[in-house]
């Protein structure tokens, strides 16, 4: 989800920045609903290149997300220039 308000891809070629930006966007969407990444119950992390997995892990760790319940796949993502995509489900107690 590394694209700006105009729909343009950003952080092209920089998986760490794409991960950080995606987490910020997801957080901004779930926070108003009273959720946080502590409420993450399942996720699929899509990486375009297997070689980016160590960089993903390093970035996730820096964000406190190294232990999320996730499946990791090397697969195509929604845009050719993006290296990372996240599909996540959150459950909160209201």
PDB file of N, CA and C in Angstrom:
ATOM      1  N   UNK A   1       0.828  -1.184   0.000  1.00  0.00           N
ATOM      2  CA  UNK A   1       0.000   0.000   0.000  1.00  0.00           C
ATOM      3  C   UNK A   1       0.874   1.249   0.000  1.00  0.00           C
ATOM      4  N   UNK A   2       1.954   1.188  -0.710  1.00  0.00           N
ATOM      5  CA  UNK A   2       2.879   2.322  -0.752  1.00  0.00           C
ATOM      6  C   UNK A   2       2.576   3.222  -1.934  1.00  0.00           C
ATOM      7  N   UNK A   3       1.431   3.904  -1.820  1.00  0.00           N
ATOM      8  CA  UNK A   3       1.115   4.914  -2.817  1.00  0.00           C
ATOM      9  C   UNK A   3       0.493   6.104  -2.123  1.00  0.00           C
ATOM     10  N   UNK A   4       0.692   7.266  -2.725  1.00  0.00           N
ATOM     11  CA  UNK A   4       0.254   8.512  -2.099  1.00  0.00           C
ATOM     12  C   UNK A   4      -1.212   8.811  -2.405  1.00  0.00           C
ATOM     13  N   UNK A   5      -1.651   9.988  -1.971  1.00  0.00           N
ATOM     14  CA  UNK A   5      -3.048  10.400  -2.149  1.00  0.00           C
ATOM     15  C   UNK A   5      -3.460  10.513  -3.612  1.00  0.00           C
ATOM     16  N   UNK A   6      -2.480  10.702  -4.494  1.00  0.00           N
ATOM     17  CA  UNK A   6      -2.755  10.797  -5.926  1.00  0.00           C
ATOM     18  C   UNK A   6      -2.760   9.434  -6.606  1.00  0.00           C
ATOM     19  N   UNK A   7      -2.488   8.373  -5.818  1.00  0.00           N
ATOM     20  CA  UNK A   7      -2.442   7.025  -6.376  1.00  0.00           C
ATOM     21  C   UNK A   7      -1.115   6.656  -6.997  1.00  0.00           C
ATOM     22  N   UNK A   8      -0.090   7.487  -6.785  1.00  0.00           N
ATOM     23  CA  UNK A   8       1.228   7.231  -7.346  1.00  0.00           C
ATOM     24  C   UNK A   8       2.038   6.360  -6.388  1.00  0.00           C
ATOM     25  N   UNK A   9       2.739   5.379  -6.923  1.00  0.00           N
ATOM     26  CA  UNK A   9       3.600   4.542  -6.101  1.00  0.00           C
ATOM     27  C   UNK A   9       4.732   5.377  -5.518  1.00  0.00           C
ATOM     28  N   UNK A  10       5.080   5.095  -4.261  1.00  0.00           N
ATOM     29  CA  UNK A  10       6.169   5.818  -3.599  1.00  0.00           C
ATOM     30  C   UNK A  10       7.156   4.813  -3.007  1.00  0.00           C
ATOM     31  N   UNK A  11       8.330   5.304  -2.672  1.00  0.00           N
ATOM     32  CA  UNK A  11       9.409   4.483  -2.116  1.00  0.00           C
ATOM     33  C   UNK A  11       9.768   3.323  -3.047  1.00  0.00           C
ATOM     34  N   UNK A  12       9.797   3.610  -4.330  1.00  0.00           N
ATOM     35  CA  UNK A  12      10.101   2.588  -5.332  1.00  0.00           C
ATOM     36  C   UNK A  12      11.513   2.041  -5.081  1.00  0.00           C
ATOM     37  N   UNK A  13      11.617   0.721  -5.005  1.00  0.00           N
ATOM     38  CA  UNK A  13      12.889   0.051  -4.796  1.00  0.00           C
ATOM     39  C   UNK A  13      13.362   0.016  -3.354  1.00  0.00           C
ATOM     40  N   UNK A  14      12.572   0.560  -2.412  1.00  0.00           N
ATOM     41  CA  UNK A  14      12.971   0.650  -1.005  1.00  0.00           C
ATOM     42  C   UNK A  14      11.970  -0.115  -0.146  1.00  0.00           C
ATOM     43  N   UNK A  15      12.224  -1.405   0.055  1.00  0.00           N
ATOM     44  CA  UNK A  15      11.266  -2.229   0.781  1.00  0.00           C
ATOM     45  C   UNK A  15      11.084  -1.769   2.225  1.00  0.00           C
ATOM     46  N   UNK A  16      12.134  -1.324   2.883  1.00  0.00           N
ATOM     47  CA  UNK A  16      11.988  -0.875   4.272  1.00  0.00           C
ATOM     48  C   UNK A  16      11.022   0.296   4.377  1.00  0.00           C
ATOM     49  N   UNK A  17      11.157   1.259   3.498  1.00  0.00           N
ATOM     50  CA  UNK A  17      10.241   2.410   3.516  1.00  0.00           C
ATOM     51  C   UNK A  17       8.831   2.000   3.120  1.00  0.00           C
ATOM     52  N   UNK A  18       8.700   1.045   2.201  1.00  0.00           N
ATOM     53  CA  UNK A  18       7.372   0.569   1.829  1.00  0.00           C
ATOM     54  C   UNK A  18       6.698  -0.119   3.013  1.00  0.00           C
ATOM     55  N   UNK A  19       7.440  -0.908   3.764  1.00  0.00           N
ATOM     56  CA  UNK A  19       6.880  -1.578   4.942  1.00  0.00           C
ATOM     57  C   UNK A  19       6.466  -0.540   5.982  1.00  0.00           C
ATOM     58  N   UNK A  20       7.359   0.395   6.295  1.00  0.00           N
ATOM     59  CA  UNK A  20       7.057   1.423   7.300  1.00  0.00           C
ATOM     60  C   UNK A  20       5.829   2.235   6.901  1.00  0.00           C
ATOM     61  N   UNK A  21       5.768   2.654   5.655  1.00  0.00           N
ATOM     62  CA  UNK A  21       4.637   3.464   5.203  1.00  0.00           C
ATOM     63  C   UNK A  21       3.330   2.659   5.263  1.00  0.00           C
ATOM     64  N   UNK A  22       3.381   1.404   4.844  1.00  0.00           N
ATOM     65  CA  UNK A  22       2.180   0.565   4.879  1.00  0.00           C
ATOM     66  C   UNK A  22       1.686   0.404   6.305  1.00  0.00           C
ATOM     67  N   UNK A  23       2.586   0.163   7.238  1.00  0.00           N
ATOM     68  CA  UNK A  23       2.193   0.027   8.643  1.00  0.00           C
ATOM     69  C   UNK A  23       1.569   1.324   9.151  1.00  0.00           C
ATOM     70  N   UNK A  24       2.134   2.466   8.779  1.00  0.00           N
ATOM     71  CA  UNK A  24       1.555   3.759   9.177  1.00  0.00           C
ATOM     72  C   UNK A  24       0.145   3.920   8.630  1.00  0.00           C
ATOM     73  N   UNK A  25      -0.056   3.567   7.365  1.00  0.00           N
ATOM     74  CA  UNK A  25      -1.376   3.700   6.744  1.00  0.00           C
ATOM     75  C   UNK A  25      -2.379   2.765   7.419  1.00  0.00           C
ATOM     76  N   UNK A  26      -1.990   1.519   7.613  1.00  0.00           N
ATOM     77  CA  UNK A  26      -2.892   0.561   8.262  1.00  0.00           C
ATOM     78  C   UNK A  26      -3.235   1.046   9.666  1.00  0.00           C
ATOM     79  N   UNK A  27      -2.240   1.497  10.403  1.00  0.00           N
ATOM     80  CA  UNK A  27      -2.487   2.002  11.753  1.00  0.00           C
ATOM     81  C   UNK A  27      -3.467   3.175  11.733  1.00  0.00           C
ATOM     82  N   UNK A  28      -3.329   4.062  10.760  1.00  0.00           N
ATOM     83  CA  UNK A  28      -4.246   5.215  10.681  1.00  0.00           C
ATOM     84  C   UNK A  28      -5.681   4.785  10.353  1.00  0.00           C
ATOM     85  N   UNK A  29      -5.822   3.639   9.711  1.00  0.00           N
ATOM     86  CA  UNK A  29      -7.159   3.125   9.385  1.00  0.00           C
ATOM     87  C   UNK A  29      -7.798   2.368  10.552  1.00  0.00           C
ATOM     88  N   UNK A  30      -7.000   1.630  11.306  1.00  0.00           N
ATOM     89  CA  UNK A  30      -7.571   0.820  12.382  1.00  0.00           C
ATOM     90  C   UNK A  30      -7.679   1.571  13.706  1.00  0.00           C
ATOM     91  N   UNK A  31      -6.823   2.560  13.918  1.00  0.00           N
ATOM     92  CA  UNK A  31      -6.814   3.297  15.183  1.00  0.00           C
ATOM     93  C   UNK A  31      -8.170   3.948  15.513  1.00  0.00           C
ATOM     94  N   UNK A  32      -8.824   4.618  14.556  1.00  0.00           N
ATOM     95  CA  UNK A  32     -10.132   5.215  14.868  1.00  0.00           C
ATOM     96  C   UNK A  32     -11.193   4.174  15.272  1.00  0.00           C
ATOM     97  N   UNK A  33     -10.953   2.926  14.920  1.00  0.00           N
ATOM     98  CA  UNK A  33     -11.892   1.851  15.285  1.00  0.00           C
ATOM     99  C   UNK A  33     -11.521   1.216  16.622  1.00  0.00           C
ATOM    100  N   UNK A  34     -10.515   1.780  17.284  1.00  0.00           N
ATOM    101  CA  UNK A  34     -10.090   1.265  18.576  1.00  0.00           C
ATOM    102  C   UNK A  34      -9.162   0.068  18.488  1.00  0.00           C
ATOM    103  N   UNK A  35      -8.553  -0.136  17.343  1.00  0.00           N
ATOM    104  CA  UNK A  35      -7.666  -1.288  17.142  1.00  0.00           C
ATOM    105  C   UNK A  35      -6.219  -0.835  17.024  1.00  0.00           C
ATOM    106  N   UNK A  36      -5.332  -1.782  17.257  1.00  0.00           N
ATOM    107  CA  UNK A  36      -3.901  -1.561  17.061  1.00  0.00           C
ATOM    108  C   UNK A  36      -3.307  -2.861  16.529  1.00  0.00           C
ATOM    109  N   UNK A  37      -2.033  -2.853  16.270  1.00  0.00           N
ATOM    110  CA  UNK A  37      -1.393  -4.071  15.775  1.00  0.00           C
ATOM    111  C   UNK A  37      -1.385  -5.176  16.834  1.00  0.00           C
ATOM    112  N   UNK A  38      -1.664  -4.835  18.090  1.00  0.00           N
ATOM    113  CA  UNK A  38      -1.828  -5.865  19.121  1.00  0.00           C
ATOM    114  C   UNK A  38      -3.085  -6.689  18.869  1.00  0.00           C
ATOM    115  N   UNK A  39      -4.018  -6.149  18.094  1.00  0.00           N
ATOM    116  CA  UNK A  39      -5.269  -6.838  17.765  1.00  0.00           C
ATOM    117  C   UNK A  39      -5.180  -7.629  16.462  1.00  0.00           C
ATOM    118  N   UNK A  40      -4.015  -7.682  15.876  1.00  0.00           N
ATOM    119  CA  UNK A  40      -3.818  -8.435  14.633  1.00  0.00           C
ATOM    120  C   UNK A  40      -3.975  -9.925  14.923  1.00  0.00           C
ATOM    121  N   UNK A  41      -4.894 -10.562  14.214  1.00  0.00           N
ATOM    122  CA  UNK A  41      -5.100 -11.997  14.461  1.00  0.00           C
ATOM    123  C   UNK A  41      -4.545 -12.862  13.335  1.00  0.00           C
ATOM    124  N   UNK A  42      -4.371 -12.305  12.142  1.00  0.00           N
ATOM    125  CA  UNK A  42      -3.747 -13.057  11.059  1.00  0.00           C
ATOM    126  C   UNK A  42      -3.320 -12.093   9.961  1.00  0.00           C
ATOM    127  N   UNK A  43      -2.263 -12.493   9.273  1.00  0.00           N
ATOM    128  CA  UNK A  43      -1.769 -11.641   8.194  1.00  0.00           C
ATOM    129  C   UNK A  43      -1.068 -12.498   7.138  1.00  0.00           C
ATOM    130  N   UNK A  44      -1.065 -11.963   5.934  1.00  0.00           N
ATOM    131  CA  UNK A  44      -0.250 -12.526   4.866  1.00  0.00           C
ATOM    132  C   UNK A  44       0.673 -11.414   4.398  1.00  0.00           C
ATOM    133  N   UNK A  45       1.957 -11.705   4.432  1.00  0.00           N
ATOM    134  CA  UNK A  45       2.967 -10.762   3.980  1.00  0.00           C
ATOM    135  C   UNK A  45       3.445 -11.252   2.616  1.00  0.00           C
ATOM    136  N   UNK A  46       3.260 -10.407   1.612  1.00  0.00           N
ATOM    137  CA  UNK A  46       3.688 -10.729   0.253  1.00  0.00           C
ATOM    138  C   UNK A  46       4.980  -9.972  -0.040  1.00  0.00           C
ATOM    139  N   UNK A  47       5.992 -10.696  -0.435  1.00  0.00           N
ATOM    140  CA  UNK A  47       7.256 -10.094  -0.843  1.00  0.00           C
ATOM    141  C   UNK A  47       7.505 -10.454  -2.302  1.00  0.00           C
ATOM    142  N   UNK A  48       7.858  -9.465  -3.082  1.00  0.00           N
ATOM    143  CA  UNK A  48       8.111  -9.720  -4.498  1.00  0.00           C
ATOM    144  C   UNK A  48       9.374 -10.558  -4.702  1.00  0.00           C
ATOM    145  N   UNK A  49      10.377 -10.314  -3.828  1.00  0.00           N
ATOM    146  CA  UNK A  49      11.660 -11.016  -3.980  1.00  0.00           C
ATOM    147  C   UNK A  49      12.050 -11.692  -2.669  1.00  0.00           C
ATOM    148  N   UNK A  50      12.422 -12.940  -2.753  1.00  0.00           N
ATOM    149  CA  UNK A  50      12.861 -13.691  -1.572  1.00  0.00           C
ATOM    150  C   UNK A  50      14.048 -12.995  -0.902  1.00  0.00           C
ATOM    151  N   UNK A  51      14.893 -12.387  -1.685  1.00  0.00           N
ATOM    152  CA  UNK A  51      16.084 -11.727  -1.149  1.00  0.00           C
ATOM    153  C   UNK A  51      15.761 -10.551  -0.230  1.00  0.00           C
ATOM    154  N   UNK A  52      14.528 -10.051  -0.271  1.00  0.00           N
ATOM    155  CA  UNK A  52      14.125  -8.932   0.584  1.00  0.00           C
ATOM    156  C   UNK A  52      13.657  -9.373   1.969  1.00  0.00           C
ATOM    157  N   UNK A  53      13.536 -10.676   2.187  1.00  0.00           N
ATOM    158  CA  UNK A  53      13.020 -11.142   3.472  1.00  0.00           C
ATOM    159  C   UNK A  53      13.846 -10.655   4.667  1.00  0.00           C
ATOM    160  N   UNK A  54      15.187 -10.706   4.629  1.00  0.00           N
ATOM    161  CA  UNK A  54      15.948 -10.177   5.774  1.00  0.00           C
ATOM    162  C   UNK A  54      15.683  -8.686   6.040  1.00  0.00           C
ATOM    163  N   UNK A  55      15.541  -7.897   4.981  1.00  0.00           N
ATOM    164  CA  UNK A  55      15.224  -6.474   5.166  1.00  0.00           C
ATOM    165  C   UNK A  55      13.823  -6.298   5.748  1.00  0.00           C
ATOM    166  N   UNK A  56      12.881  -7.116   5.278  1.00  0.00           N
ATOM    167  CA  UNK A  56      11.537  -7.071   5.858  1.00  0.00           C
ATOM    168  C   UNK A  56      11.613  -7.389   7.350  1.00  0.00           C
ATOM    169  N   UNK A  57      12.311  -8.468   7.712  1.00  0.00           N
ATOM    170  CA  UNK A  57      12.412  -8.876   9.120  1.00  0.00           C
ATOM    171  C   UNK A  57      13.035  -7.772   9.972  1.00  0.00           C
ATOM    172  N   UNK A  58      14.089  -7.165   9.485  1.00  0.00           N
ATOM    173  CA  UNK A  58      14.754  -6.085  10.210  1.00  0.00           C
ATOM    174  C   UNK A  58      13.803  -4.907  10.429  1.00  0.00           C
ATOM    175  N   UNK A  59      13.077  -4.544   9.392  1.00  0.00           N
ATOM    176  CA  UNK A  59      12.137  -3.431   9.496  1.00  0.00           C
ATOM    177  C   UNK A  59      10.988  -3.771  10.428  1.00  0.00           C
ATOM    178  N   UNK A  60      10.431  -4.974  10.293  1.00  0.00           N
ATOM    179  CA  UNK A  60       9.338  -5.397  11.170  1.00  0.00           C
ATOM    180  C   UNK A  60       9.788  -5.380  12.629  1.00  0.00           C
ATOM    181  N   UNK A  61      10.991  -5.839  12.875  1.00  0.00           N
ATOM    182  CA  UNK A  61      11.511  -5.832  14.245  1.00  0.00           C
ATOM    183  C   UNK A  61      11.627  -4.410  14.779  1.00  0.00           C
ATOM    184  N   UNK A  62      12.091  -3.491  13.956  1.00  0.00           N
ATOM    185  CA  UNK A  62      12.233  -2.093  14.392  1.00  0.00           C
ATOM    186  C   UNK A  62      10.882  -1.459  14.703  1.00  0.00           C
ATOM    187  N   UNK A  63       9.814  -2.002  14.107  1.00  0.00           N
ATOM    188  CA  UNK A  63       8.461  -1.492  14.338  1.00  0.00           C
ATOM    189  C   UNK A  63       7.727  -2.266  15.436  1.00  0.00           C
ATOM    190  N   UNK A  64       8.395  -3.241  16.019  1.00  0.00           N
ATOM    191  CA  UNK A  64       7.776  -4.064  17.050  1.00  0.00           C
ATOM    192  C   UNK A  64       6.811  -5.093  16.494  1.00  0.00           C
ATOM    193  N   UNK A  65       7.001  -5.477  15.247  1.00  0.00           N
ATOM    194  CA  UNK A  65       6.078  -6.387  14.573  1.00  0.00           C
ATOM    195  C   UNK A  65       6.737  -7.700  14.153  1.00  0.00           C
ATOM    196  N   UNK A  66       7.814  -8.075  14.816  1.00  0.00           N
ATOM    197  CA  UNK A  66       8.522  -9.279  14.390  1.00  0.00           C
ATOM    198  C   UNK A  66       7.785 -10.568  14.754  1.00  0.00           C
ATOM    199  N   UNK A  67       6.854 -10.497  15.688  1.00  0.00           N
ATOM    200  CA  UNK A  67       6.148 -11.708  16.129  1.00  0.00           C
ATOM    201  C   UNK A  67       4.681 -11.738  15.713  1.00  0.00           C
ATOM    202  N   UNK A  68       4.329 -11.044  14.646  1.00  0.00           N
ATOM    203  CA  UNK A  68       2.930 -11.057  14.231  1.00  0.00           C
ATOM    204  C   UNK A  68       2.550 -12.436  13.687  1.00  0.00           C
ATOM    205  N   UNK A  69       1.282 -12.813  13.853  1.00  0.00           N
ATOM    206  CA  UNK A  69       0.833 -14.096  13.302  1.00  0.00           C
ATOM    207  C   UNK A  69       0.659 -13.975  11.790  1.00  0.00           C
ATOM    208  N   UNK A  70       1.690 -14.346  11.068  1.00  0.00           N
ATOM    209  CA  UNK A  70       1.674 -14.108   9.617  1.00  0.00           C
ATOM    210  C   UNK A  70       2.206 -15.295   8.840  1.00  0.00           C
ATOM    211  N   UNK A  71       1.719 -15.371   7.616  1.00  0.00           N
ATOM    212  CA  UNK A  71       2.249 -16.291   6.613  1.00  0.00           C
ATOM    213  C   UNK A  71       3.027 -15.412   5.627  1.00  0.00           C
ATOM    214  N   UNK A  72       4.192 -15.877   5.222  1.00  0.00           N
ATOM    215  CA  UNK A  72       5.055 -15.110   4.331  1.00  0.00           C
ATOM    216  C   UNK A  72       5.116 -15.802   2.981  1.00  0.00           C
ATOM    217  N   UNK A  73       4.849 -15.037   1.932  1.00  0.00           N
ATOM    218  CA  UNK A  73       4.844 -15.584   0.579  1.00  0.00           C
ATOM    219  C   UNK A  73       5.702 -14.742  -0.351  1.00  0.00           C
ATOM    220  N   UNK A  74       6.408 -15.395  -1.210  1.00  0.00           N
ATOM    221  CA  UNK A  74       7.068 -14.704  -2.313  1.00  0.00           C
ATOM    222  C   UNK A  74       6.075 -14.775  -3.461  1.00  0.00           C
ATOM    223  N   UNK A  75       5.597 -13.619  -3.861  1.00  0.00           N
ATOM    224  CA  UNK A  75       4.531 -13.565  -4.863  1.00  0.00           C
ATOM    225  C   UNK A  75       4.505 -12.191  -5.501  1.00  0.00           C
ATOM    226  N   UNK A  76       3.740 -12.085  -6.552  1.00  0.00           N
ATOM    227  CA  UNK A  76       3.528 -10.791  -7.182  1.00  0.00           C
ATOM    228  C   UNK A  76       2.675  -9.938  -6.256  1.00  0.00           C
ATOM    229  N   UNK A  77       2.864  -8.636  -6.304  1.00  0.00           N
ATOM    230  CA  UNK A  77       2.035  -7.722  -5.528  1.00  0.00           C
ATOM    231  C   UNK A  77       1.230  -6.861  -6.489  1.00  0.00           C
ATOM    232  N   UNK A  78       0.418  -5.977  -5.947  1.00  0.00           N
ATOM    233  CA  UNK A  78      -0.578  -5.281  -6.760  1.00  0.00           C
ATOM    234  C   UNK A  78      -0.001  -4.390  -7.865  1.00  0.00           C
ATOM    235  N   UNK A  79       1.238  -3.947  -7.727  1.00  0.00           N
ATOM    236  CA  UNK A  79       1.877  -3.105  -8.743  1.00  0.00           C
ATOM    237  C   UNK A  79       3.291  -3.606  -8.995  1.00  0.00           C
ATOM    238  N   UNK A  80       3.725  -3.512 -10.215  1.00  0.00           N
ATOM    239  CA  UNK A  80       5.052  -4.013 -10.575  1.00  0.00           C
ATOM    240  C   UNK A  80       6.172  -3.383  -9.756  1.00  0.00           C
ATOM    241  N   UNK A  81       6.061  -2.108  -9.449  1.00  0.00           N
ATOM    242  CA  UNK A  81       7.151  -1.398  -8.775  1.00  0.00           C
ATOM    243  C   UNK A  81       7.146  -1.558  -7.258  1.00  0.00           C
ATOM    244  N   UNK A  82       6.113  -2.188  -6.709  1.00  0.00           N
ATOM    245  CA  UNK A  82       6.068  -2.385  -5.266  1.00  0.00           C
ATOM    246  C   UNK A  82       6.678  -3.731  -4.893  1.00  0.00           C
ATOM    247  N   UNK A  83       7.338  -3.750  -3.734  1.00  0.00           N
ATOM    248  CA  UNK A  83       8.063  -4.936  -3.289  1.00  0.00           C
ATOM    249  C   UNK A  83       7.371  -5.660  -2.143  1.00  0.00           C
ATOM    250  N   UNK A  84       6.339  -5.054  -1.583  1.00  0.00           N
ATOM    251  CA  UNK A  84       5.727  -5.550  -0.356  1.00  0.00           C
ATOM    252  C   UNK A  84       4.238  -5.242  -0.361  1.00  0.00           C
ATOM    253  N   UNK A  85       3.479  -6.173   0.173  1.00  0.00           N
ATOM    254  CA  UNK A  85       2.044  -5.955   0.370  1.00  0.00           C
ATOM    255  C   UNK A  85       1.638  -6.711   1.624  1.00  0.00           C
ATOM    256  N   UNK A  86       0.650  -6.191   2.330  1.00  0.00           N
ATOM    257  CA  UNK A  86       0.181  -6.793   3.569  1.00  0.00           C
ATOM    258  C   UNK A  86      -1.322  -6.969   3.508  1.00  0.00           C
ATOM    259  N   UNK A  87      -1.768  -8.168   3.823  1.00  0.00           N
ATOM    260  CA  UNK A  87      -3.190  -8.460   3.987  1.00  0.00           C
ATOM    261  C   UNK A  87      -3.355  -8.843   5.437  1.00  0.00           C
ATOM    262  N   UNK A  88      -4.191  -8.128   6.178  1.00  0.00           N
ATOM    263  CA  UNK A  88      -4.258  -8.345   7.631  1.00  0.00           C
ATOM    264  C   UNK A  88      -5.696  -8.294   8.133  1.00  0.00           C
ATOM    265  N   UNK A  89      -5.939  -9.059   9.187  1.00  0.00           N
ATOM    266  CA  UNK A  89      -7.245  -9.076   9.853  1.00  0.00           C
ATOM    267  C   UNK A  89      -7.040  -8.744  11.337  1.00  0.00           C
ATOM    268  N   UNK A  90      -7.907  -7.883  11.821  1.00  0.00           N
ATOM    269  CA  UNK A  90      -7.824  -7.441  13.216  1.00  0.00           C
ATOM    270  C   UNK A  90      -9.148  -7.766  13.911  1.00  0.00           C
ATOM    271  N   UNK A  91      -9.061  -8.127  15.191  1.00  0.00           N
ATOM    272  CA  UNK A  91     -10.250  -8.379  15.994  1.00  0.00           C
ATOM    273  C   UNK A  91     -10.087  -7.634  17.303  1.00  0.00           C
ATOM    274  N   UNK A  92     -11.109  -6.868  17.661  1.00  0.00           N
ATOM    275  CA  UNK A  92     -11.062  -6.130  18.920  1.00  0.00           C
ATOM    276  C   UNK A  92     -12.215  -6.557  19.813  1.00  0.00           C
ATOM    277  N   UNK A  93     -12.060  -6.326  21.095  1.00  0.00           N
ATOM    278  CA  UNK A  93     -13.128  -6.555  22.063  1.00  0.00           C
ATOM    279  C   UNK A  93     -13.804  -5.205  22.296  1.00  0.00           C
ATOM    280  N   UNK A  94     -15.037  -5.093  21.890  1.00  0.00           N
ATOM    281  CA  UNK A  94     -15.755  -3.822  22.099  1.00  0.00           C
ATOM    282  C   UNK A  94     -16.842  -4.000  23.099  1.00  0.00           C
TER     283      UNK A  94
END
